Amino acid sequence: MPNIKSQKKRVITNDKRHLANASQKTRLKSAIKAVKTAVEANDKDAAQTAYSVASKHLDKAVSSNIYHKNYAARQKSRLAKAINTIA
Protein backbone atom coordinates (compact mmCIF):
# COMPACT_ATOMS: atom_id res chain seq x y z
CA MET A 1 0.00 0.00 0.00
CA PRO A 2 1.40 3.41 -0.94
CA ASN A 3 2.28 6.01 1.65
CA ILE A 4 2.33 9.03 -0.65
CA LYS A 5 -0.96 10.88 -1.00
CA SER A 6 -0.87 11.15 -4.79
CA GLN A 7 -0.13 7.44 -5.12
CA LYS A 8 -3.08 6.62 -2.88
CA LYS A 9 -5.24 8.62 -5.27
CA ARG A 10 -3.76 6.77 -8.25
CA VAL A 11 -4.71 3.42 -6.70
CA ILE A 12 -8.32 4.58 -6.39
CA THR A 13 -8.36 6.01 -9.91
CA ASN A 14 -6.81 2.87 -11.39
CA ASP A 15 -9.45 0.70 -9.72
CA LYS A 16 -12.25 2.87 -11.12
CA ARG A 17 -10.79 2.78 -14.63
CA HIS A 18 -10.22 -0.98 -14.40
CA LEU A 19 -13.90 -1.54 -13.58
CA ALA A 20 -15.04 0.76 -16.39
CA ASN A 21 -12.73 -0.89 -18.93
CA ALA A 22 -13.73 -4.40 -17.84
CA SER A 23 -17.39 -3.50 -18.17
CA GLN A 24 -16.86 -2.09 -21.66
CA LYS A 25 -14.89 -5.18 -22.75
CA THR A 26 -17.65 -7.45 -21.47
CA ARG A 27 -20.34 -5.52 -23.38
CA LEU A 28 -18.22 -5.71 -26.53
CA LYS A 29 -17.63 -9.45 -26.25
CA SER A 30 -21.35 -10.02 -25.67
CA ALA A 31 -22.20 -7.96 -28.76
CA ILE A 32 -19.74 -9.95 -30.88
CA LYS A 33 -21.15 -13.21 -29.55
CA ALA A 34 -24.68 -12.05 -30.47
CA VAL A 35 -23.59 -11.58 -34.08
CA LYS A 36 -21.96 -15.02 -34.20
CA THR A 37 -25.04 -16.65 -32.67
CA ALA A 38 -27.33 -14.98 -35.23
CA VAL A 39 -25.04 -16.10 -38.07
CA GLU A 40 -25.08 -19.69 -36.81
CA ALA A 41 -28.89 -19.54 -36.71
CA ASN A 42 -28.91 -18.21 -40.33
CA ASP A 43 -30.90 -15.14 -39.24
CA LYS A 44 -29.60 -12.37 -41.46
CA ASP A 45 -31.79 -9.57 -40.08
CA ALA A 46 -30.84 -10.30 -36.48
CA ALA A 47 -27.20 -10.64 -37.50
CA GLN A 48 -27.18 -7.24 -39.20
CA THR A 49 -28.86 -5.61 -36.22
CA ALA A 50 -26.38 -7.22 -33.84
CA TYR A 51 -23.53 -6.21 -36.17
CA SER A 52 -24.46 -2.54 -35.95
CA VAL A 53 -24.43 -2.76 -32.14
CA ALA A 54 -21.11 -4.61 -32.15
CA SER A 55 -19.61 -2.09 -34.57
CA LYS A 56 -20.66 0.76 -32.28
CA HIS A 57 -19.08 -0.95 -29.27
CA LEU A 58 -15.87 -1.61 -31.20
CA ASP A 59 -15.60 2.04 -32.22
CA LYS A 60 -16.17 3.18 -28.65
CA ALA A 61 -13.51 0.77 -27.37
CA VAL A 62 -11.01 2.16 -29.88
CA SER A 63 -11.82 5.76 -29.05
CA SER A 64 -11.29 5.10 -25.33
CA ASN A 65 -7.96 3.30 -26.01
CA ILE A 66 -9.12 -0.10 -24.80
CA TYR A 67 -8.34 -1.81 -28.10
CA HIS A 68 -6.16 -0.94 -31.09
CA LYS A 69 -7.88 0.34 -34.23
CA ASN A 70 -6.62 -2.62 -36.25
CA TYR A 71 -8.28 -5.01 -33.78
CA ALA A 72 -11.60 -3.28 -34.35
CA ALA A 73 -11.16 -3.27 -38.12
CA ARG A 74 -10.27 -6.96 -38.11
CA GLN A 75 -13.27 -7.88 -35.97
CA LYS A 76 -15.67 -5.83 -38.13
CA SER A 77 -14.28 -7.45 -41.26
CA ARG A 78 -14.65 -10.97 -39.88
CA LEU A 79 -18.19 -10.32 -38.66
CA ALA A 80 -19.23 -8.73 -41.96
CA LYS A 81 -17.77 -11.65 -43.87
CA ALA A 82 -19.68 -14.08 -41.67
CA ILE A 83 -22.94 -12.18 -42.25
CA ASN A 84 -22.37 -12.18 -46.00
CA THR A 85 -22.12 -15.98 -46.02
CA ILE A 86 -25.81 -16.18 -45.05
CA ALA A 87 -27.86 -16.74 -48.20
PDB file of N, CA and C in Angstrom:
ATOM      1  N   MET A   1       0.850  -1.183   0.000  1.00  0.00           N
ATOM      2  CA  MET A   1       0.000   0.000   0.000  1.00  0.00           C
ATOM      3  C   MET A   1       0.893   1.243   0.000  1.00  0.00           C
ATOM      4  N   PRO A   2       0.567   2.218  -0.861  1.00  0.00           N
ATOM      5  CA  PRO A   2       1.401   3.408  -0.938  1.00  0.00           C
ATOM      6  C   PRO A   2       1.245   4.315   0.280  1.00  0.00           C
ATOM      7  N   ASN A   3       2.289   5.044   0.553  1.00  0.00           N
ATOM      8  CA  ASN A   3       2.281   6.008   1.652  1.00  0.00           C
ATOM      9  C   ASN A   3       2.078   7.433   1.161  1.00  0.00           C
ATOM     10  N   ILE A   4       2.419   7.687  -0.092  1.00  0.00           N
ATOM     11  CA  ILE A   4       2.335   9.030  -0.653  1.00  0.00           C
ATOM     12  C   ILE A   4       0.897   9.319  -1.073  1.00  0.00           C
ATOM     13  N   LYS A   5       0.441  10.522  -0.770  1.00  0.00           N
ATOM     14  CA  LYS A   5      -0.960  10.882  -1.001  1.00  0.00           C
ATOM     15  C   LYS A   5      -1.361  10.744  -2.467  1.00  0.00           C
ATOM     16  N   SER A   6      -0.527  11.212  -3.375  1.00  0.00           N
ATOM     17  CA  SER A   6      -0.873  11.145  -4.795  1.00  0.00           C
ATOM     18  C   SER A   6      -0.933   9.697  -5.284  1.00  0.00           C
ATOM     19  N   GLN A   7      -0.102   8.848  -4.727  1.00  0.00           N
ATOM     20  CA  GLN A   7      -0.132   7.444  -5.123  1.00  0.00           C
ATOM     21  C   GLN A   7      -1.362   6.731  -4.575  1.00  0.00           C
ATOM     22  N   LYS A   8      -1.826   7.153  -3.408  1.00  0.00           N
ATOM     23  CA  LYS A   8      -3.080   6.616  -2.876  1.00  0.00           C
ATOM     24  C   LYS A   8      -4.238   6.963  -3.810  1.00  0.00           C
ATOM     25  N   LYS A   9      -4.213   8.198  -4.319  1.00  0.00           N
ATOM     26  CA  LYS A   9      -5.242   8.622  -5.268  1.00  0.00           C
ATOM     27  C   LYS A   9      -5.160   7.820  -6.563  1.00  0.00           C
ATOM     28  N   ARG A  10      -3.944   7.548  -7.010  1.00  0.00           N
ATOM     29  CA  ARG A  10      -3.761   6.771  -8.247  1.00  0.00           C
ATOM     30  C   ARG A  10      -4.338   5.364  -8.098  1.00  0.00           C
ATOM     31  N   VAL A  11      -4.167   4.761  -6.936  1.00  0.00           N
ATOM     32  CA  VAL A  11      -4.712   3.421  -6.705  1.00  0.00           C
ATOM     33  C   VAL A  11      -6.230   3.447  -6.863  1.00  0.00           C
ATOM     34  N   ILE A  12      -6.868   4.462  -6.293  1.00  0.00           N
ATOM     35  CA  ILE A  12      -8.321   4.582  -6.394  1.00  0.00           C
ATOM     36  C   ILE A  12      -8.742   4.809  -7.841  1.00  0.00           C
ATOM     37  N   THR A  13      -8.039   5.710  -8.522  1.00  0.00           N
ATOM     38  CA  THR A  13      -8.361   6.012  -9.911  1.00  0.00           C
ATOM     39  C   THR A  13      -8.161   4.793 -10.803  1.00  0.00           C
ATOM     40  N   ASN A  14      -7.079   4.057 -10.589  1.00  0.00           N
ATOM     41  CA  ASN A  14      -6.808   2.865 -11.390  1.00  0.00           C
ATOM     42  C   ASN A  14      -7.894   1.825 -11.202  1.00  0.00           C
ATOM     43  N   ASP A  15      -8.379   1.666  -9.968  1.00  0.00           N
ATOM     44  CA  ASP A  15      -9.450   0.703  -9.721  1.00  0.00           C
ATOM     45  C   ASP A  15     -10.731   1.101 -10.451  1.00  0.00           C
ATOM     46  N   LYS A  16     -11.051   2.395 -10.423  1.00  0.00           N
ATOM     47  CA  LYS A  16     -12.250   2.870 -11.117  1.00  0.00           C
ATOM     48  C   LYS A  16     -12.139   2.626 -12.622  1.00  0.00           C
ATOM     49  N   ARG A  17     -10.986   2.958 -13.192  1.00  0.00           N
ATOM     50  CA  ARG A  17     -10.788   2.779 -14.629  1.00  0.00           C
ATOM     51  C   ARG A  17     -10.811   1.303 -14.996  1.00  0.00           C
ATOM     52  N   HIS A  18     -10.233   0.461 -14.144  1.00  0.00           N
ATOM     53  CA  HIS A  18     -10.225  -0.976 -14.403  1.00  0.00           C
ATOM     54  C   HIS A  18     -11.652  -1.508 -14.484  1.00  0.00           C
ATOM     55  N   LEU A  19     -12.505  -1.092 -13.562  1.00  0.00           N
ATOM     56  CA  LEU A  19     -13.896  -1.537 -13.577  1.00  0.00           C
ATOM     57  C   LEU A  19     -14.628  -1.048 -14.822  1.00  0.00           C
ATOM     58  N   ALA A  20     -14.396   0.206 -15.199  1.00  0.00           N
ATOM     59  CA  ALA A  20     -15.043   0.758 -16.385  1.00  0.00           C
ATOM     60  C   ALA A  20     -14.573   0.041 -17.647  1.00  0.00           C
ATOM     61  N   ASN A  21     -13.264  -0.207 -17.752  1.00  0.00           N
ATOM     62  CA  ASN A  21     -12.726  -0.894 -18.927  1.00  0.00           C
ATOM     63  C   ASN A  21     -13.221  -2.329 -19.001  1.00  0.00           C
ATOM     64  N   ALA A  22     -13.260  -3.011 -17.868  1.00  0.00           N
ATOM     65  CA  ALA A  22     -13.726  -4.400 -17.844  1.00  0.00           C
ATOM     66  C   ALA A  22     -15.181  -4.475 -18.260  1.00  0.00           C
ATOM     67  N   SER A  23     -15.980  -3.528 -17.811  1.00  0.00           N
ATOM     68  CA  SER A  23     -17.393  -3.497 -18.175  1.00  0.00           C
ATOM     69  C   SER A  23     -17.557  -3.283 -19.678  1.00  0.00           C
ATOM     70  N   GLN A  24     -16.775  -2.371 -20.230  1.00  0.00           N
ATOM     71  CA  GLN A  24     -16.859  -2.085 -21.661  1.00  0.00           C
ATOM     72  C   GLN A  24     -16.413  -3.289 -22.483  1.00  0.00           C
ATOM     73  N   LYS A  25     -15.359  -3.981 -22.045  1.00  0.00           N
ATOM     74  CA  LYS A  25     -14.895  -5.177 -22.749  1.00  0.00           C
ATOM     75  C   LYS A  25     -15.956  -6.269 -22.728  1.00  0.00           C
ATOM     76  N   THR A  26     -16.626  -6.423 -21.592  1.00  0.00           N
ATOM     77  CA  THR A  26     -17.654  -7.447 -21.470  1.00  0.00           C
ATOM     78  C   THR A  26     -18.814  -7.158 -22.414  1.00  0.00           C
ATOM     79  N   ARG A  27     -19.253  -5.890 -22.460  1.00  0.00           N
ATOM     80  CA  ARG A  27     -20.336  -5.522 -23.378  1.00  0.00           C
ATOM     81  C   ARG A  27     -19.945  -5.795 -24.824  1.00  0.00           C
ATOM     82  N   LEU A  28     -18.697  -5.493 -25.167  1.00  0.00           N
ATOM     83  CA  LEU A  28     -18.221  -5.706 -26.525  1.00  0.00           C
ATOM     84  C   LEU A  28     -18.214  -7.186 -26.877  1.00  0.00           C
ATOM     85  N   LYS A  29     -17.691  -8.007 -25.983  1.00  0.00           N
ATOM     86  CA  LYS A  29     -17.634  -9.449 -26.248  1.00  0.00           C
ATOM     87  C   LYS A  29     -19.032 -10.044 -26.381  1.00  0.00           C
ATOM     88  N   SER A  30     -19.969  -9.554 -25.578  1.00  0.00           N
ATOM     89  CA  SER A  30     -21.349 -10.021 -25.672  1.00  0.00           C
ATOM     90  C   SER A  30     -21.965  -9.629 -27.009  1.00  0.00           C
ATOM     91  N   ALA A  31     -21.672  -8.425 -27.480  1.00  0.00           N
ATOM     92  CA  ALA A  31     -22.198  -7.959 -28.762  1.00  0.00           C
ATOM     93  C   ALA A  31     -21.644  -8.795 -29.907  1.00  0.00           C
ATOM     94  N   ILE A  32     -20.359  -9.117 -29.847  1.00  0.00           N
ATOM     95  CA  ILE A  32     -19.742  -9.951 -30.885  1.00  0.00           C
ATOM     96  C   ILE A  32     -20.345 -11.349 -30.865  1.00  0.00           C
ATOM     97  N   LYS A  33     -20.560 -11.875 -29.676  1.00  0.00           N
ATOM     98  CA  LYS A  33     -21.150 -13.206 -29.554  1.00  0.00           C
ATOM     99  C   LYS A  33     -22.578 -13.222 -30.107  1.00  0.00           C
ATOM    100  N   ALA A  34     -23.313 -12.134 -29.944  1.00  0.00           N
ATOM    101  CA  ALA A  34     -24.675 -12.054 -30.469  1.00  0.00           C
ATOM    102  C   ALA A  34     -24.675 -12.142 -31.988  1.00  0.00           C
ATOM    103  N   VAL A  35     -23.693 -11.505 -32.621  1.00  0.00           N
ATOM    104  CA  VAL A  35     -23.585 -11.581 -34.084  1.00  0.00           C
ATOM    105  C   VAL A  35     -23.288 -13.013 -34.505  1.00  0.00           C
ATOM    106  N   LYS A  36     -22.331 -13.649 -33.844  1.00  0.00           N
ATOM    107  CA  LYS A  36     -21.959 -15.017 -34.200  1.00  0.00           C
ATOM    108  C   LYS A  36     -23.127 -15.978 -33.993  1.00  0.00           C
ATOM    109  N   THR A  37     -23.888 -15.791 -32.938  1.00  0.00           N
ATOM    110  CA  THR A  37     -25.042 -16.647 -32.670  1.00  0.00           C
ATOM    111  C   THR A  37     -26.098 -16.480 -33.762  1.00  0.00           C
ATOM    112  N   ALA A  38     -26.350 -15.237 -34.180  1.00  0.00           N
ATOM    113  CA  ALA A  38     -27.329 -14.983 -35.234  1.00  0.00           C
ATOM    114  C   ALA A  38     -26.870 -15.574 -36.564  1.00  0.00           C
ATOM    115  N   VAL A  39     -25.572 -15.520 -36.824  1.00  0.00           N
ATOM    116  CA  VAL A  39     -25.040 -16.097 -38.067  1.00  0.00           C
ATOM    117  C   VAL A  39     -25.199 -17.614 -38.052  1.00  0.00           C
ATOM    118  N   GLU A  40     -24.922 -18.236 -36.907  1.00  0.00           N
ATOM    119  CA  GLU A  40     -25.076 -19.694 -36.809  1.00  0.00           C
ATOM    120  C   GLU A  40     -26.531 -20.114 -36.974  1.00  0.00           C
ATOM    121  N   ALA A  41     -27.460 -19.240 -36.574  1.00  0.00           N
ATOM    122  CA  ALA A  41     -28.885 -19.539 -36.713  1.00  0.00           C
ATOM    123  C   ALA A  41     -29.410 -19.151 -38.097  1.00  0.00           C
ATOM    124  N   ASN A  42     -28.546 -18.648 -38.976  1.00  0.00           N
ATOM    125  CA  ASN A  42     -28.909 -18.212 -40.328  1.00  0.00           C
ATOM    126  C   ASN A  42     -29.991 -17.141 -40.309  1.00  0.00           C
ATOM    127  N   ASP A  43     -29.938 -16.240 -39.362  1.00  0.00           N
ATOM    128  CA  ASP A  43     -30.898 -15.145 -39.239  1.00  0.00           C
ATOM    129  C   ASP A  43     -30.199 -13.851 -39.652  1.00  0.00           C
ATOM    130  N   LYS A  44     -30.360 -13.502 -40.923  1.00  0.00           N
ATOM    131  CA  LYS A  44     -29.599 -12.372 -41.464  1.00  0.00           C
ATOM    132  C   LYS A  44     -30.026 -11.042 -40.851  1.00  0.00           C
ATOM    133  N   ASP A  45     -31.323 -10.839 -40.647  1.00  0.00           N
ATOM    134  CA  ASP A  45     -31.791  -9.569 -40.080  1.00  0.00           C
ATOM    135  C   ASP A  45     -31.255  -9.364 -38.668  1.00  0.00           C
ATOM    136  N   ALA A  46     -31.343 -10.399 -37.858  1.00  0.00           N
ATOM    137  CA  ALA A  46     -30.842 -10.299 -36.483  1.00  0.00           C
ATOM    138  C   ALA A  46     -29.325 -10.100 -36.482  1.00  0.00           C
ATOM    139  N   ALA A  47     -28.650 -10.763 -37.417  1.00  0.00           N
ATOM    140  CA  ALA A  47     -27.196 -10.643 -37.504  1.00  0.00           C
ATOM    141  C   ALA A  47     -26.801  -9.210 -37.866  1.00  0.00           C
ATOM    142  N   GLN A  48     -27.516  -8.614 -38.801  1.00  0.00           N
ATOM    143  CA  GLN A  48     -27.182  -7.239 -39.200  1.00  0.00           C
ATOM    144  C   GLN A  48     -27.467  -6.246 -38.079  1.00  0.00           C
ATOM    145  N   THR A  49     -28.551  -6.472 -37.357  1.00  0.00           N
ATOM    146  CA  THR A  49     -28.861  -5.606 -36.223  1.00  0.00           C
ATOM    147  C   THR A  49     -27.792  -5.737 -35.146  1.00  0.00           C
ATOM    148  N   ALA A  50     -27.409  -6.976 -34.851  1.00  0.00           N
ATOM    149  CA  ALA A  50     -26.377  -7.215 -33.843  1.00  0.00           C
ATOM    150  C   ALA A  50     -25.030  -6.677 -34.317  1.00  0.00           C
ATOM    151  N   TYR A  51     -24.783  -6.732 -35.624  1.00  0.00           N
ATOM    152  CA  TYR A  51     -23.528  -6.214 -36.173  1.00  0.00           C
ATOM    153  C   TYR A  51     -23.416  -4.710 -35.957  1.00  0.00           C
ATOM    154  N   SER A  52     -24.518  -3.987 -36.144  1.00  0.00           N
ATOM    155  CA  SER A  52     -24.462  -2.536 -35.955  1.00  0.00           C
ATOM    156  C   SER A  52     -24.164  -2.195 -34.499  1.00  0.00           C
ATOM    157  N   VAL A  53     -24.717  -2.977 -33.568  1.00  0.00           N
ATOM    158  CA  VAL A  53     -24.434  -2.765 -32.143  1.00  0.00           C
ATOM    159  C   VAL A  53     -22.969  -3.078 -31.848  1.00  0.00           C
ATOM    160  N   ALA A  54     -22.491  -4.204 -32.381  1.00  0.00           N
ATOM    161  CA  ALA A  54     -21.106  -4.611 -32.150  1.00  0.00           C
ATOM    162  C   ALA A  54     -20.132  -3.592 -32.744  1.00  0.00           C
ATOM    163  N   SER A  55     -20.466  -3.085 -33.918  1.00  0.00           N
ATOM    164  CA  SER A  55     -19.612  -2.093 -34.566  1.00  0.00           C
ATOM    165  C   SER A  55     -19.518  -0.826 -33.717  1.00  0.00           C
ATOM    166  N   LYS A  56     -20.633  -0.418 -33.157  1.00  0.00           N
ATOM    167  CA  LYS A  56     -20.664   0.758 -32.281  1.00  0.00           C
ATOM    168  C   LYS A  56     -19.781   0.531 -31.050  1.00  0.00           C
ATOM    169  N   HIS A  57     -19.890  -0.644 -30.444  1.00  0.00           N
ATOM    170  CA  HIS A  57     -19.078  -0.948 -29.265  1.00  0.00           C
ATOM    171  C   HIS A  57     -17.588  -1.006 -29.615  1.00  0.00           C
ATOM    172  N   LEU A  58     -17.269  -1.558 -30.776  1.00  0.00           N
ATOM    173  CA  LEU A  58     -15.873  -1.615 -31.201  1.00  0.00           C
ATOM    174  C   LEU A  58     -15.308  -0.204 -31.379  1.00  0.00           C
ATOM    175  N   ASP A  59     -16.077   0.666 -32.013  1.00  0.00           N
ATOM    176  CA  ASP A  59     -15.602   2.039 -32.221  1.00  0.00           C
ATOM    177  C   ASP A  59     -15.406   2.763 -30.900  1.00  0.00           C
ATOM    178  N   LYS A  60     -16.313   2.538 -29.947  1.00  0.00           N
ATOM    179  CA  LYS A  60     -16.170   3.176 -28.647  1.00  0.00           C
ATOM    180  C   LYS A  60     -14.941   2.658 -27.910  1.00  0.00           C
ATOM    181  N   ALA A  61     -14.677   1.357 -28.034  1.00  0.00           N
ATOM    182  CA  ALA A  61     -13.511   0.772 -27.367  1.00  0.00           C
ATOM    183  C   ALA A  61     -12.220   1.335 -27.949  1.00  0.00           C
ATOM    184  N   VAL A  62     -12.202   1.571 -29.248  1.00  0.00           N
ATOM    185  CA  VAL A  62     -11.008   2.156 -29.877  1.00  0.00           C
ATOM    186  C   VAL A  62     -10.832   3.603 -29.443  1.00  0.00           C
ATOM    187  N   SER A  63     -11.928   4.342 -29.399  1.00  0.00           N
ATOM    188  CA  SER A  63     -11.821   5.759 -29.046  1.00  0.00           C
ATOM    189  C   SER A  63     -11.408   5.960 -27.593  1.00  0.00           C
ATOM    190  N   SER A  64     -11.696   4.979 -26.729  1.00  0.00           N
ATOM    191  CA  SER A  64     -11.285   5.095 -25.328  1.00  0.00           C
ATOM    192  C   SER A  64     -10.006   4.312 -25.039  1.00  0.00           C
ATOM    193  N   ASN A  65      -9.281   3.950 -26.103  1.00  0.00           N
ATOM    194  CA  ASN A  65      -7.964   3.301 -26.010  1.00  0.00           C
ATOM    195  C   ASN A  65      -7.992   1.970 -25.265  1.00  0.00           C
ATOM    196  N   ILE A  66      -9.079   1.234 -25.385  1.00  0.00           N
ATOM    197  CA  ILE A  66      -9.117  -0.101 -24.795  1.00  0.00           C
ATOM    198  C   ILE A  66      -8.543  -1.113 -25.784  1.00  0.00           C
ATOM    199  N   TYR A  67      -8.871  -0.942 -27.059  1.00  0.00           N
ATOM    200  CA  TYR A  67      -8.343  -1.810 -28.105  1.00  0.00           C
ATOM    201  C   TYR A  67      -7.699  -0.967 -29.194  1.00  0.00           C
ATOM    202  N   HIS A  68      -6.832  -1.588 -29.963  1.00  0.00           N
ATOM    203  CA  HIS A  68      -6.161  -0.936 -31.086  1.00  0.00           C
ATOM    204  C   HIS A  68      -7.129  -0.847 -32.261  1.00  0.00           C
ATOM    205  N   LYS A  69      -6.951   0.154 -33.107  1.00  0.00           N
ATOM    206  CA  LYS A  69      -7.878   0.342 -34.225  1.00  0.00           C
ATOM    207  C   LYS A  69      -7.844  -0.833 -35.194  1.00  0.00           C
ATOM    208  N   ASN A  70      -6.695  -1.477 -35.348  1.00  0.00           N
ATOM    209  CA  ASN A  70      -6.622  -2.621 -36.251  1.00  0.00           C
ATOM    210  C   ASN A  70      -7.410  -3.809 -35.708  1.00  0.00           C
ATOM    211  N   TYR A  71      -7.470  -3.947 -34.393  1.00  0.00           N
ATOM    212  CA  TYR A  71      -8.277  -5.008 -33.785  1.00  0.00           C
ATOM    213  C   TYR A  71      -9.740  -4.813 -34.152  1.00  0.00           C
ATOM    214  N   ALA A  72     -10.211  -3.575 -34.033  1.00  0.00           N
ATOM    215  CA  ALA A  72     -11.604  -3.283 -34.354  1.00  0.00           C
ATOM    216  C   ALA A  72     -11.880  -3.521 -35.833  1.00  0.00           C
ATOM    217  N   ALA A  73     -10.980  -3.087 -36.683  1.00  0.00           N
ATOM    218  CA  ALA A  73     -11.158  -3.275 -38.122  1.00  0.00           C
ATOM    219  C   ALA A  73     -11.192  -4.757 -38.476  1.00  0.00           C
ATOM    220  N   ARG A  74     -10.318  -5.520 -37.858  1.00  0.00           N
ATOM    221  CA  ARG A  74     -10.268  -6.959 -38.114  1.00  0.00           C
ATOM    222  C   ARG A  74     -11.562  -7.640 -37.667  1.00  0.00           C
ATOM    223  N   GLN A  75     -12.041  -7.285 -36.483  1.00  0.00           N
ATOM    224  CA  GLN A  75     -13.273  -7.882 -35.972  1.00  0.00           C
ATOM    225  C   GLN A  75     -14.466  -7.524 -36.852  1.00  0.00           C
ATOM    226  N   LYS A  76     -14.559  -6.257 -37.260  1.00  0.00           N
ATOM    227  CA  LYS A  76     -15.665  -5.833 -38.130  1.00  0.00           C
ATOM    228  C   LYS A  76     -15.628  -6.587 -39.450  1.00  0.00           C
ATOM    229  N   SER A  77     -14.430  -6.743 -39.991  1.00  0.00           N
ATOM    230  CA  SER A  77     -14.281  -7.446 -41.260  1.00  0.00           C
ATOM    231  C   SER A  77     -14.722  -8.905 -41.133  1.00  0.00           C
ATOM    232  N   ARG A  78     -14.296  -9.563 -40.078  1.00  0.00           N
ATOM    233  CA  ARG A  78     -14.654 -10.966 -39.878  1.00  0.00           C
ATOM    234  C   ARG A  78     -16.157 -11.131 -39.682  1.00  0.00           C
ATOM    235  N   LEU A  79     -16.748 -10.231 -38.901  1.00  0.00           N
ATOM    236  CA  LEU A  79     -18.190 -10.322 -38.657  1.00  0.00           C
ATOM    237  C   LEU A  79     -18.974 -10.054 -39.940  1.00  0.00           C
ATOM    238  N   ALA A  80     -18.552  -9.047 -40.708  1.00  0.00           N
ATOM    239  CA  ALA A  80     -19.235  -8.731 -41.960  1.00  0.00           C
ATOM    240  C   ALA A  80     -19.130  -9.885 -42.942  1.00  0.00           C
ATOM    241  N   LYS A  81     -17.957 -10.501 -42.994  1.00  0.00           N
ATOM    242  CA  LYS A  81     -17.766 -11.648 -43.875  1.00  0.00           C
ATOM    243  C   LYS A  81     -18.667 -12.805 -43.464  1.00  0.00           C
ATOM    244  N   ALA A  82     -18.808 -13.021 -42.161  1.00  0.00           N
ATOM    245  CA  ALA A  82     -19.678 -14.085 -41.673  1.00  0.00           C
ATOM    246  C   ALA A  82     -21.143 -13.802 -42.024  1.00  0.00           C
ATOM    247  N   ILE A  83     -21.557 -12.538 -41.909  1.00  0.00           N
ATOM    248  CA  ILE A  83     -22.940 -12.180 -42.245  1.00  0.00           C
ATOM    249  C   ILE A  83     -23.195 -12.383 -43.731  1.00  0.00           C
ATOM    250  N   ASN A  84     -22.207 -12.051 -44.548  1.00  0.00           N
ATOM    251  CA  ASN A  84     -22.373 -12.178 -45.998  1.00  0.00           C
ATOM    252  C   ASN A  84     -22.437 -13.628 -46.464  1.00  0.00           C
ATOM    253  N   THR A  85     -22.034 -14.579 -45.633  1.00  0.00           N
ATOM    254  CA  THR A  85     -22.119 -15.984 -46.018  1.00  0.00           C
ATOM    255  C   THR A  85     -23.559 -16.507 -45.909  1.00  0.00           C
ATOM    256  N   ILE A  86     -24.420 -15.775 -45.173  1.00  0.00           N
ATOM    257  CA  ILE A  86     -25.812 -16.184 -45.053  1.00  0.00           C
ATOM    258  C   ILE A  86     -26.521 -15.896 -46.374  1.00  0.00           C
ATOM    259  N   ALA A  87     -27.186 -16.916 -46.897  1.00  0.00           N
ATOM    260  CA  ALA A  87     -27.860 -16.739 -48.203  1.00  0.00           C
ATOM    261  C   ALA A  87     -29.222 -16.081 -48.063  1.00  0.00           C
TER     262      ALA A  87
END
